[in-house]
Amino acid sequence: MPNPPDEMATWGRVDVYLPTGEVNTRPAKLARRVTSLEGARIAILDNGKEYSDHVLEAIAEALKRDHRVKEVTYWRKGYPAKAAPFLKELAASCDAAITGVGH
């Protein structure tokens, strides 16, 4: 290593971190798929982003009009990064769920 210039009192140090390690994952159990939307109960989870309500309402109308969905219920988190404490209740109340974002 060459000598540092006179105006430098010391050489700096660079720490290198390797971003490796164990990933603690477990297989996820997927929900069963609905075989038909006709007569289904659909939950719509609005994550609270701007204009998400417009997008999700249009989807709900298309589901009712084109696929004869029986019921659509709306749930709103209020803030995208916030956890939804009602997810178990939502899952128990529907055959399928849709979540989406705004613009």
Protein backbone atom coordinates (compact mmCIF):
# COMPACT_ATOMS: atom_id res chain seq x y z
CA MET A 1 0.00 0.00 0.00
CA PRO A 2 1.51 3.38 -0.93
CA ASN A 3 2.18 5.98 1.70
CA PRO A 4 -0.62 8.53 2.17
CA PRO A 5 -0.05 12.12 1.05
CA ASP A 6 1.43 14.43 3.68
CA GLU A 7 -1.87 16.24 4.29
CA MET A 8 -3.61 12.98 5.27
CA ALA A 9 -3.00 11.82 8.80
CA THR A 10 -4.51 8.36 8.38
CA TRP A 11 -6.00 6.12 5.75
CA GLY A 12 -9.66 5.34 6.04
CA ARG A 13 -11.06 1.90 6.52
CA VAL A 14 -13.74 0.25 4.45
CA ASP A 15 -15.94 -2.37 6.07
CA VAL A 16 -17.49 -4.81 3.66
CA TYR A 17 -20.60 -6.65 4.75
CA LEU A 18 -21.83 -9.69 2.91
CA PRO A 19 -25.62 -9.68 2.73
CA THR A 20 -25.91 -13.42 3.12
CA GLY A 21 -27.43 -15.54 5.75
CA GLU A 22 -30.32 -17.83 6.39
CA VAL A 23 -33.73 -16.95 5.11
CA ASN A 24 -36.40 -18.05 7.52
CA THR A 25 -39.27 -19.00 5.23
CA ARG A 26 -41.91 -21.65 5.29
CA PRO A 27 -44.20 -22.80 2.53
CA ALA A 28 -47.39 -20.78 2.27
CA LYS A 29 -50.72 -22.52 2.01
CA LEU A 30 -52.63 -21.02 -0.89
CA ALA A 31 -56.35 -20.40 -0.69
CA ARG A 32 -58.55 -22.64 -2.77
CA ARG A 33 -59.59 -21.09 -6.06
CA VAL A 34 -63.21 -20.40 -6.80
CA THR A 35 -64.48 -22.45 -9.72
CA SER A 36 -66.95 -19.79 -10.81
CA LEU A 37 -67.68 -16.18 -9.95
CA GLU A 38 -71.41 -16.68 -10.49
CA GLY A 39 -73.11 -16.47 -7.09
CA ALA A 40 -69.80 -15.81 -5.32
CA ARG A 41 -69.28 -13.45 -2.39
CA ILE A 42 -66.34 -11.16 -3.14
CA ALA A 43 -64.49 -9.02 -0.60
CA ILE A 44 -62.65 -5.96 -1.86
CA LEU A 45 -59.83 -4.64 0.30
CA ASP A 46 -59.03 -0.99 -0.37
CA ASN A 47 -55.52 -0.22 0.81
CA GLY A 48 -56.22 3.50 1.09
CA LYS A 49 -54.06 4.83 -1.73
CA GLU A 50 -55.40 7.75 -3.70
CA TYR A 51 -58.00 6.72 -6.29
CA SER A 52 -57.95 3.06 -5.26
CA ASP A 53 -61.65 3.36 -4.44
CA HIS A 54 -62.42 4.38 -8.04
CA VAL A 55 -60.51 1.44 -9.48
CA LEU A 56 -61.97 -1.10 -7.07
CA GLU A 57 -65.55 0.18 -7.45
CA ALA A 58 -65.25 -0.21 -11.22
CA ILE A 59 -64.01 -3.77 -10.75
CA ALA A 60 -66.91 -4.53 -8.41
CA GLU A 61 -69.45 -3.20 -10.92
CA ALA A 62 -67.91 -5.30 -13.71
CA LEU A 63 -68.01 -8.40 -11.51
CA LYS A 64 -71.69 -7.90 -10.73
CA ARG A 65 -72.65 -7.00 -14.29
CA ASP A 66 -70.54 -9.48 -16.27
CA HIS A 67 -70.04 -12.40 -13.88
CA ARG A 68 -73.23 -12.37 -11.78
CA VAL A 69 -71.39 -12.09 -8.48
CA LYS A 70 -73.88 -12.41 -5.62
CA GLU A 71 -72.36 -9.98 -3.14
CA VAL A 72 -69.47 -7.52 -2.93
CA THR A 73 -68.31 -6.19 0.43
CA TYR A 74 -65.79 -3.38 0.87
CA TRP A 75 -63.08 -3.26 3.50
CA ARG A 76 -60.70 -0.34 3.96
CA LYS A 77 -57.32 -0.41 5.68
CA GLY A 78 -56.90 3.35 5.78
CA TYR A 79 -53.15 3.35 5.14
CA PRO A 80 -51.20 1.10 2.73
CA ALA A 81 -48.37 0.18 5.11
CA LYS A 82 -50.68 -0.47 8.03
CA ALA A 83 -51.63 -4.05 8.85
CA ALA A 84 -55.27 -5.01 8.42
CA PRO A 85 -56.44 -6.39 11.79
CA PHE A 86 -59.66 -7.72 10.25
CA LEU A 87 -58.14 -10.14 7.69
CA LYS A 88 -59.49 -13.29 9.38
CA GLU A 89 -62.99 -11.80 9.47
CA LEU A 90 -62.67 -10.73 5.84
CA ALA A 91 -61.52 -14.22 4.77
CA ALA A 92 -64.39 -15.90 6.62
CA SER A 93 -66.99 -13.65 4.98
CA CYS A 94 -66.20 -14.29 1.32
CA ASP A 95 -65.41 -16.83 -1.38
CA ALA A 96 -62.65 -14.69 -2.91
CA ALA A 97 -60.92 -11.40 -2.18
CA ILE A 98 -59.43 -8.65 -4.31
CA THR A 99 -56.98 -6.05 -3.12
CA GLY A 100 -55.49 -3.25 -5.13
CA VAL A 101 -53.69 0.02 -5.20
CA GLY A 102 -54.49 3.43 -6.57
CA HIS A 103 -52.47 5.27 -9.17
